[in-house]
Each structure stands twice: as C-alpha cells, then as structure tokens.
Protein backbone atom coordinates (compact mmCIF):
# COMPACT_ATOMS: atom_id res chain seq x y z
CA UNK A 1 168.55 123.34 -17.43
CA UNK A 2 166.81 120.44 -19.16
CA UNK A 3 163.68 121.62 -20.94
CA UNK A 4 160.57 119.51 -20.55
CA UNK A 5 160.30 119.35 -24.33
CA UNK A 6 163.76 117.77 -24.68
CA UNK A 7 163.77 114.39 -26.45
CA UNK A 8 166.10 113.21 -23.67
CA UNK A 9 163.17 113.13 -21.25
CA UNK A 10 160.45 111.92 -23.60
CA UNK A 11 158.24 109.50 -21.65
CA UNK A 12 159.98 110.25 -18.34
CA UNK A 13 157.67 111.13 -15.44
CA UNK A 14 158.01 111.48 -11.70
CA UNK A 15 161.64 112.54 -11.72
CA UNK A 16 163.38 115.71 -10.58
CA UNK A 17 166.20 117.27 -12.58
CA UNK A 18 168.81 119.92 -11.86
CA UNK A 19 171.72 121.13 -13.96
CA UNK A 20 170.56 118.96 -16.86
CA UNK A 21 170.79 115.71 -14.88
CA UNK A 22 168.48 113.70 -12.68
CA UNK A 23 168.70 115.08 -9.15
CA UNK A 24 169.97 112.74 -6.48
CA UNK A 25 168.07 112.09 -3.29
CA UNK A 26 169.70 113.74 -0.30
CA UNK A 27 168.87 113.38 3.37
CA UNK A 28 169.15 116.13 5.89
CA UNK A 29 167.76 119.59 5.72
CA UNK A 30 170.42 121.39 7.68
CA UNK A 31 170.75 123.91 4.86
CA UNK A 32 174.47 123.25 4.36
CA UNK A 33 174.14 121.12 1.23
CA UNK A 34 172.80 122.78 -1.88
CA UNK A 35 171.02 120.78 -4.53
CA UNK A 36 169.40 117.41 -4.65
CA UNK A 37 165.88 116.38 -3.79
CA UNK A 38 164.39 115.20 -0.50
CA UNK A 39 163.60 111.46 -0.53
CA UNK A 40 159.95 112.07 0.41
CA UNK A 41 159.54 114.10 -2.79
CA UNK A 42 160.20 110.91 -4.79
CA UNK A 43 157.86 108.67 -2.78
CA UNK A 44 154.90 107.59 -4.97
CA UNK A 45 152.82 106.66 -1.89
CA UNK A 46 153.28 110.15 -0.45
CA UNK A 47 152.40 111.65 -3.84
CA UNK A 48 149.18 109.63 -3.93
CA UNK A 49 148.21 110.77 -0.43
CA UNK A 50 148.90 114.39 -1.35
CA UNK A 51 146.85 114.04 -4.55
CA UNK A 52 143.88 112.63 -2.62
CA UNK A 53 144.10 115.37 -0.01
CA UNK A 54 144.30 118.10 -2.66
CA UNK A 55 141.43 116.63 -4.67
CA UNK A 56 139.24 116.49 -1.56
CA UNK A 57 140.12 120.06 -0.68
CA UNK A 58 139.01 121.50 -4.01
CA UNK A 59 135.93 119.29 -4.25
CA UNK A 60 136.98 117.46 -7.41
C-alpha cells in the first residue's frame, strides 16, 4: 500500500496505485486477471464528462 501522504507521490494526481506501484492499464473484464486498472478509468476526457454529469446532478 502506498499512502497518499507518502513523499513518493507528492504532486502526483490522476494515477491509480496498487501494491505500492502505479497500476498498469489492462483491457478485458473477463474476471480472470486480477489487478490493474481499466483504460477508461485513466481517460481525462471521460473524467471531465463524469464530473460535469455529477455536478449537474447535485445542482452545484
């Protein structure tokens, strides 16, 4: 586990970590491969769309 307060990640944003390392993007979803992060979770355009949707839902 890499704590958010670790100096190793100071200034780092928008990344996913597992087992103390940056998680790699993995395709699929068949459930056979453990670990990694789905590529869409790293997409800044998708994150922006989700943020706008969420903000509109709660009424800013």
